Amino acid sequence: MTGEGKREGETRNAQLLVLLTDRRQELSSQIHRSLAERQEEFQSRDAPGSHGWGAAPEGSLTLAVVQQQEQQLAQIDAAIGRHKVGTYGRCVSCHEEIALARLRALPFAQRCAGCQEEWEEQRERPAS
């Protein structure tokens, strides 16, 4: 790799790390906010004369959203781990660089768009 190519790679890696850490912070803040709001609702619904938290369908929706966010947070943490060992941003299938636009949209993506599509098709096929 030429000096210029190496610098471009380092710049890309630095951008990707910022992307990951920003997304991680954003998700962490969303989770904390959602849980704090849920706690406030829980306390207000436990007040005398209320019907209780269990009667509210949005309580389970909030928990589902938080669980999804926590799953994404775990995926981001795994991506940060891959970044530390130098494999982040490369497709686990074809080993080519994953497009920066894809990583901006899905910072925890492990496959390029083409390989992801193939992988999903294989998962959907019934076993023979």
N, C-alpha and C. Protein backbone atom coordinates (compact mmCIF):
# COMPACT_ATOMS: atom_id res chain seq x y z
N MET A 1 0.85 -1.18 0.00
CA MET A 1 0.00 0.00 0.00
C MET A 1 0.89 1.23 0.00
N THR A 2 0.55 2.18 -0.85
CA THR A 2 1.33 3.41 -0.92
C THR A 2 1.07 4.26 0.31
N GLY A 3 1.91 5.24 0.51
CA GLY A 3 1.72 6.14 1.65
C GLY A 3 0.38 6.85 1.60
N GLU A 4 -0.03 7.25 0.40
CA GLU A 4 -1.32 7.93 0.24
C GLU A 4 -2.47 6.97 0.52
N GLY A 5 -2.38 5.74 0.01
CA GLY A 5 -3.42 4.73 0.25
C GLY A 5 -3.53 4.40 1.73
N LYS A 6 -2.38 4.36 2.39
CA LYS A 6 -2.38 4.07 3.83
C LYS A 6 -3.06 5.20 4.61
N ARG A 7 -2.75 6.44 4.22
CA ARG A 7 -3.39 7.60 4.89
C ARG A 7 -4.89 7.59 4.67
N GLU A 8 -5.32 7.24 3.44
CA GLU A 8 -6.76 7.17 3.15
C GLU A 8 -7.41 6.10 4.02
N GLY A 9 -6.74 4.97 4.17
CA GLY A 9 -7.25 3.89 5.01
C GLY A 9 -7.35 4.32 6.47
N GLU A 10 -6.33 5.03 6.94
CA GLU A 10 -6.34 5.52 8.32
C GLU A 10 -7.44 6.54 8.52
N THR A 11 -7.64 7.41 7.54
CA THR A 11 -8.72 8.41 7.61
C THR A 11 -10.07 7.71 7.66
N ARG A 12 -10.25 6.71 6.79
CA ARG A 12 -11.51 5.95 6.78
C ARG A 12 -11.72 5.28 8.14
N ASN A 13 -10.68 4.65 8.68
CA ASN A 13 -10.81 3.99 9.97
C ASN A 13 -11.16 4.97 11.08
N ALA A 14 -10.56 6.14 11.05
CA ALA A 14 -10.86 7.16 12.06
C ALA A 14 -12.32 7.62 11.93
N GLN A 15 -12.79 7.82 10.68
CA GLN A 15 -14.18 8.21 10.45
C GLN A 15 -15.13 7.12 10.96
N LEU A 16 -14.78 5.87 10.70
CA LEU A 16 -15.63 4.76 11.11
C LEU A 16 -15.71 4.66 12.64
N LEU A 17 -14.59 4.88 13.30
CA LEU A 17 -14.59 4.83 14.77
C LEU A 17 -15.46 5.95 15.34
N VAL A 18 -15.36 7.13 14.77
CA VAL A 18 -16.21 8.25 15.21
C VAL A 18 -17.68 7.90 14.98
N LEU A 19 -17.97 7.33 13.83
CA LEU A 19 -19.33 6.90 13.51
C LEU A 19 -19.85 5.91 14.56
N LEU A 20 -19.04 4.92 14.88
CA LEU A 20 -19.43 3.91 15.87
C LEU A 20 -19.63 4.51 17.25
N THR A 21 -18.69 5.31 17.69
CA THR A 21 -18.79 5.86 19.04
C THR A 21 -19.94 6.85 19.15
N ASP A 22 -20.18 7.63 18.09
CA ASP A 22 -21.32 8.55 18.11
C ASP A 22 -22.64 7.77 18.17
N ARG A 23 -22.75 6.73 17.35
CA ARG A 23 -23.97 5.93 17.34
C ARG A 23 -24.17 5.22 18.68
N ARG A 24 -23.07 4.76 19.28
CA ARG A 24 -23.15 4.10 20.58
C ARG A 24 -23.67 5.08 21.64
N GLN A 25 -23.14 6.28 21.63
CA GLN A 25 -23.57 7.30 22.60
C GLN A 25 -25.03 7.65 22.39
N GLU A 26 -25.44 7.80 21.14
CA GLU A 26 -26.82 8.12 20.82
C GLU A 26 -27.77 7.02 21.32
N LEU A 27 -27.44 5.77 21.04
CA LEU A 27 -28.27 4.65 21.48
C LEU A 27 -28.33 4.56 23.00
N SER A 28 -27.19 4.73 23.63
CA SER A 28 -27.13 4.67 25.09
C SER A 28 -28.02 5.75 25.70
N SER A 29 -27.97 6.95 25.16
CA SER A 29 -28.82 8.05 25.64
C SER A 29 -30.30 7.73 25.43
N GLN A 30 -30.64 7.18 24.27
CA GLN A 30 -32.03 6.82 23.99
C GLN A 30 -32.54 5.78 24.98
N ILE A 31 -31.71 4.79 25.27
CA ILE A 31 -32.10 3.73 26.21
C ILE A 31 -32.33 4.32 27.58
N HIS A 32 -31.42 5.15 28.04
CA HIS A 32 -31.57 5.77 29.37
C HIS A 32 -32.82 6.63 29.44
N ARG A 33 -33.07 7.41 28.38
CA ARG A 33 -34.27 8.25 28.34
C ARG A 33 -35.54 7.40 28.38
N SER A 34 -35.57 6.36 27.56
CA SER A 34 -36.75 5.49 27.51
C SER A 34 -37.01 4.82 28.85
N LEU A 35 -35.96 4.35 29.48
CA LEU A 35 -36.12 3.69 30.78
C LEU A 35 -36.55 4.69 31.85
N ALA A 36 -36.02 5.90 31.80
CA ALA A 36 -36.42 6.93 32.77
C ALA A 36 -37.88 7.30 32.57
N GLU A 37 -38.30 7.45 31.31
CA GLU A 37 -39.71 7.77 31.03
C GLU A 37 -40.61 6.63 31.50
N ARG A 38 -40.18 5.41 31.25
CA ARG A 38 -40.97 4.25 31.67
C ARG A 38 -41.10 4.22 33.19
N GLN A 39 -40.02 4.53 33.88
CA GLN A 39 -40.04 4.55 35.34
C GLN A 39 -41.01 5.62 35.85
N GLU A 40 -40.99 6.80 35.21
CA GLU A 40 -41.92 7.86 35.60
C GLU A 40 -43.37 7.43 35.39
N GLU A 41 -43.64 6.82 34.24
CA GLU A 41 -44.99 6.34 33.95
C GLU A 41 -45.41 5.26 34.94
N PHE A 42 -44.49 4.40 35.25
CA PHE A 42 -44.75 3.31 36.19
C PHE A 42 -45.15 3.88 37.55
N GLN A 43 -44.39 4.87 38.00
CA GLN A 43 -44.67 5.47 39.30
C GLN A 43 -46.00 6.22 39.28
N SER A 44 -46.31 6.93 38.20
CA SER A 44 -47.57 7.67 38.14
C SER A 44 -48.76 6.73 38.04
N ARG A 45 -48.60 5.61 37.40
CA ARG A 45 -49.71 4.66 37.26
C ARG A 45 -49.92 3.83 38.51
N ASP A 46 -48.93 3.82 39.38
CA ASP A 46 -49.07 3.12 40.66
C ASP A 46 -49.74 3.99 41.70
N ALA A 47 -50.00 5.23 41.33
CA ALA A 47 -50.64 6.15 42.27
C ALA A 47 -52.06 5.68 42.57
N PRO A 48 -52.58 6.01 43.74
CA PRO A 48 -53.95 5.61 44.08
C PRO A 48 -54.94 6.07 43.01
N GLY A 49 -55.84 5.17 42.63
CA GLY A 49 -56.86 5.49 41.64
C GLY A 49 -56.44 5.18 40.21
N SER A 50 -55.18 4.76 39.98
CA SER A 50 -54.76 4.44 38.61
C SER A 50 -54.98 2.95 38.37
N HIS A 51 -54.84 2.54 37.13
CA HIS A 51 -55.08 1.15 36.77
C HIS A 51 -53.81 0.31 36.74
N GLY A 52 -52.69 0.91 37.02
CA GLY A 52 -51.44 0.16 37.07
C GLY A 52 -50.75 0.06 35.71
N TRP A 53 -49.47 -0.16 35.75
CA TRP A 53 -48.64 -0.22 34.54
C TRP A 53 -49.05 -1.38 33.64
N GLY A 54 -49.36 -2.50 34.22
CA GLY A 54 -49.69 -3.68 33.43
C GLY A 54 -50.88 -3.47 32.52
N ALA A 55 -51.74 -2.53 32.83
CA ALA A 55 -52.91 -2.28 31.99
C ALA A 55 -52.58 -1.46 30.75
N ALA A 56 -51.37 -0.93 30.67
CA ALA A 56 -51.01 -0.04 29.56
C ALA A 56 -50.26 -0.81 28.48
N PRO A 57 -50.82 -0.91 27.27
CA PRO A 57 -50.13 -1.62 26.19
C PRO A 57 -48.84 -0.94 25.76
N GLU A 58 -48.73 0.37 25.94
CA GLU A 58 -47.50 1.05 25.52
C GLU A 58 -46.31 0.65 26.39
N GLY A 59 -46.56 0.10 27.56
CA GLY A 59 -45.46 -0.37 28.41
C GLY A 59 -44.68 -1.49 27.74
N SER A 60 -45.37 -2.43 27.14
CA SER A 60 -44.67 -3.52 26.47
C SER A 60 -44.01 -3.03 25.19
N LEU A 61 -44.60 -2.02 24.54
CA LEU A 61 -43.99 -1.44 23.34
C LEU A 61 -42.69 -0.75 23.71
N THR A 62 -42.70 0.00 24.80
CA THR A 62 -41.48 0.67 25.26
C THR A 62 -40.39 -0.35 25.54
N LEU A 63 -40.76 -1.43 26.21
CA LEU A 63 -39.76 -2.46 26.50
C LEU A 63 -39.23 -3.10 25.23
N ALA A 64 -40.08 -3.33 24.25
CA ALA A 64 -39.64 -3.92 22.99
C ALA A 64 -38.65 -2.99 22.28
N VAL A 65 -38.93 -1.70 22.29
CA VAL A 65 -38.03 -0.72 21.67
C VAL A 65 -36.69 -0.71 22.40
N VAL A 66 -36.73 -0.71 23.73
CA VAL A 66 -35.50 -0.71 24.52
C VAL A 66 -34.70 -1.98 24.25
N GLN A 67 -35.37 -3.12 24.16
CA GLN A 67 -34.66 -4.37 23.87
C GLN A 67 -33.99 -4.31 22.50
N GLN A 68 -34.68 -3.74 21.52
CA GLN A 68 -34.10 -3.60 20.19
C GLN A 68 -32.88 -2.67 20.24
N GLN A 69 -33.00 -1.58 20.98
CA GLN A 69 -31.88 -0.65 21.11
C GLN A 69 -30.70 -1.30 21.82
N GLU A 70 -30.99 -2.11 22.85
CA GLU A 70 -29.91 -2.79 23.56
C GLU A 70 -29.22 -3.81 22.65
N GLN A 71 -29.98 -4.44 21.78
CA GLN A 71 -29.41 -5.38 20.82
C GLN A 71 -28.49 -4.64 19.84
N GLN A 72 -28.94 -3.48 19.38
CA GLN A 72 -28.10 -2.67 18.49
C GLN A 72 -26.84 -2.20 19.21
N LEU A 73 -26.99 -1.86 20.49
CA LEU A 73 -25.84 -1.42 21.28
C LEU A 73 -24.81 -2.55 21.38
N ALA A 74 -25.26 -3.77 21.59
CA ALA A 74 -24.36 -4.93 21.63
C ALA A 74 -23.68 -5.13 20.27
N GLN A 75 -24.42 -4.91 19.18
CA GLN A 75 -23.84 -5.03 17.85
C GLN A 75 -22.79 -3.95 17.61
N ILE A 76 -23.05 -2.75 18.11
CA ILE A 76 -22.08 -1.65 17.99
C ILE A 76 -20.83 -1.98 18.80
N ASP A 77 -21.02 -2.51 20.01
CA ASP A 77 -19.86 -2.89 20.83
C ASP A 77 -19.03 -3.95 20.12
N ALA A 78 -19.69 -4.91 19.48
CA ALA A 78 -18.97 -5.94 18.73
C ALA A 78 -18.21 -5.30 17.56
N ALA A 79 -18.84 -4.32 16.90
CA ALA A 79 -18.19 -3.62 15.79
C ALA A 79 -16.97 -2.84 16.29
N ILE A 80 -17.08 -2.23 17.45
CA ILE A 80 -15.93 -1.51 18.03
C ILE A 80 -14.81 -2.51 18.31
N GLY A 81 -15.17 -3.70 18.78
CA GLY A 81 -14.17 -4.75 18.99
C GLY A 81 -13.49 -5.14 17.70
N ARG A 82 -14.28 -5.26 16.61
CA ARG A 82 -13.69 -5.58 15.31
C ARG A 82 -12.79 -4.45 14.84
N HIS A 83 -13.18 -3.21 15.15
CA HIS A 83 -12.36 -2.06 14.77
C HIS A 83 -11.00 -2.14 15.47
N LYS A 84 -11.01 -2.52 16.73
CA LYS A 84 -9.76 -2.59 17.51
C LYS A 84 -8.79 -3.61 16.93
N VAL A 85 -9.32 -4.69 16.34
CA VAL A 85 -8.43 -5.72 15.77
C VAL A 85 -8.21 -5.53 14.27
N GLY A 86 -8.82 -4.48 13.71
CA GLY A 86 -8.57 -4.13 12.32
C GLY A 86 -9.44 -4.83 11.29
N THR A 87 -10.53 -5.44 11.71
CA THR A 87 -11.39 -6.13 10.73
C THR A 87 -12.69 -5.39 10.47
N TYR A 88 -12.95 -4.33 11.18
CA TYR A 88 -14.19 -3.58 10.98
C TYR A 88 -14.18 -2.88 9.63
N GLY A 89 -15.35 -2.89 8.98
CA GLY A 89 -15.47 -2.21 7.69
C GLY A 89 -15.15 -3.11 6.52
N ARG A 90 -14.80 -4.36 6.80
CA ARG A 90 -14.54 -5.35 5.75
C ARG A 90 -15.60 -6.43 5.85
N CYS A 91 -16.09 -6.84 4.72
CA CYS A 91 -17.13 -7.87 4.63
C CYS A 91 -16.57 -9.20 5.16
N VAL A 92 -17.33 -9.86 6.04
CA VAL A 92 -16.89 -11.15 6.58
C VAL A 92 -16.98 -12.26 5.54
N SER A 93 -17.69 -12.01 4.45
CA SER A 93 -17.83 -13.03 3.40
C SER A 93 -16.80 -12.86 2.29
N CYS A 94 -16.75 -11.69 1.67
CA CYS A 94 -15.85 -11.49 0.52
C CYS A 94 -14.58 -10.73 0.88
N HIS A 95 -14.53 -10.16 2.09
CA HIS A 95 -13.36 -9.44 2.63
C HIS A 95 -13.08 -8.11 1.93
N GLU A 96 -14.01 -7.65 1.09
CA GLU A 96 -13.88 -6.34 0.47
C GLU A 96 -14.37 -5.28 1.46
N GLU A 97 -13.97 -4.03 1.21
CA GLU A 97 -14.45 -2.94 2.07
C GLU A 97 -15.95 -2.77 1.90
N ILE A 98 -16.63 -2.58 3.02
CA ILE A 98 -18.07 -2.28 2.99
C ILE A 98 -18.20 -0.79 2.67
N ALA A 99 -19.13 -0.46 1.80
CA ALA A 99 -19.31 0.94 1.39
C ALA A 99 -19.57 1.82 2.62
N LEU A 100 -18.94 2.98 2.61
CA LEU A 100 -19.08 3.91 3.72
C LEU A 100 -20.55 4.31 3.93
N ALA A 101 -21.30 4.47 2.85
CA ALA A 101 -22.72 4.82 2.96
C ALA A 101 -23.48 3.73 3.72
N ARG A 102 -23.15 2.47 3.47
CA ARG A 102 -23.81 1.36 4.18
C ARG A 102 -23.45 1.40 5.67
N LEU A 103 -22.19 1.66 5.96
CA LEU A 103 -21.77 1.72 7.36
C LEU A 103 -22.37 2.92 8.08
N ARG A 104 -22.61 3.99 7.35
CA ARG A 104 -23.28 5.14 7.99
C ARG A 104 -24.72 4.78 8.35
N ALA A 105 -25.37 4.02 7.47
CA ALA A 105 -26.75 3.61 7.71
C ALA A 105 -26.83 2.50 8.76
N LEU A 106 -25.93 1.53 8.67
CA LEU A 106 -25.89 0.38 9.59
C LEU A 106 -24.46 0.23 10.10
N PRO A 107 -24.08 0.97 11.11
CA PRO A 107 -22.68 0.96 11.54
C PRO A 107 -22.18 -0.40 12.01
N PHE A 108 -23.09 -1.31 12.31
CA PHE A 108 -22.68 -2.63 12.78
C PHE A 108 -22.72 -3.67 11.66
N ALA A 109 -22.90 -3.22 10.40
CA ALA A 109 -22.97 -4.15 9.27
C ALA A 109 -21.69 -4.99 9.20
N GLN A 110 -21.87 -6.29 8.97
CA GLN A 110 -20.73 -7.19 8.87
C GLN A 110 -20.46 -7.63 7.44
N ARG A 111 -21.44 -7.37 6.56
CA ARG A 111 -21.32 -7.79 5.16
C ARG A 111 -21.61 -6.61 4.24
N CYS A 112 -21.01 -6.66 3.06
CA CYS A 112 -21.37 -5.69 2.03
C CYS A 112 -22.80 -5.98 1.60
N ALA A 113 -23.41 -5.07 0.88
CA ALA A 113 -24.82 -5.22 0.50
C ALA A 113 -25.05 -6.49 -0.30
N GLY A 114 -24.19 -6.78 -1.27
CA GLY A 114 -24.35 -7.97 -2.10
C GLY A 114 -24.26 -9.26 -1.30
N CYS A 115 -23.26 -9.36 -0.44
CA CYS A 115 -23.10 -10.57 0.37
C CYS A 115 -24.23 -10.70 1.40
N GLN A 116 -24.70 -9.58 1.92
CA GLN A 116 -25.81 -9.61 2.87
C GLN A 116 -27.07 -10.16 2.20
N GLU A 117 -27.30 -9.70 0.97
CA GLU A 117 -28.47 -10.17 0.22
C GLU A 117 -28.38 -11.68 -0.01
N GLU A 118 -27.21 -12.16 -0.42
CA GLU A 118 -27.00 -13.60 -0.63
C GLU A 118 -27.21 -14.37 0.67
N TRP A 119 -26.65 -13.85 1.74
CA TRP A 119 -26.75 -14.51 3.05
C TRP A 119 -28.21 -14.64 3.48
N GLU A 120 -28.99 -13.55 3.29
CA GLU A 120 -30.40 -13.58 3.66
C GLU A 120 -31.19 -14.56 2.79
N GLU A 121 -30.86 -14.62 1.51
CA GLU A 121 -31.53 -15.57 0.61
C GLU A 121 -31.24 -17.00 1.05
N GLN A 122 -30.02 -17.28 1.42
CA GLN A 122 -29.66 -18.64 1.87
C GLN A 122 -30.39 -18.99 3.16
N ARG A 123 -30.55 -18.05 4.04
CA ARG A 123 -31.25 -18.31 5.30
C ARG A 123 -32.73 -18.59 5.07
N GLU A 124 -33.30 -17.95 4.04
CA GLU A 124 -34.72 -18.10 3.77
C GLU A 124 -35.06 -19.39 3.03
N ARG A 125 -34.07 -19.99 2.35
CA ARG A 125 -34.32 -21.22 1.61
C ARG A 125 -34.55 -22.37 2.58
N PRO A 126 -35.57 -23.19 2.29
CA PRO A 126 -35.79 -24.36 3.13
C PRO A 126 -34.67 -25.38 2.93
N ALA A 127 -34.32 -26.05 4.01
CA ALA A 127 -33.27 -27.07 3.93
C ALA A 127 -33.79 -28.27 3.14
N SER A 128 -32.96 -28.80 2.24
CA SER A 128 -33.37 -29.94 1.42
C SER A 128 -33.00 -31.24 2.07
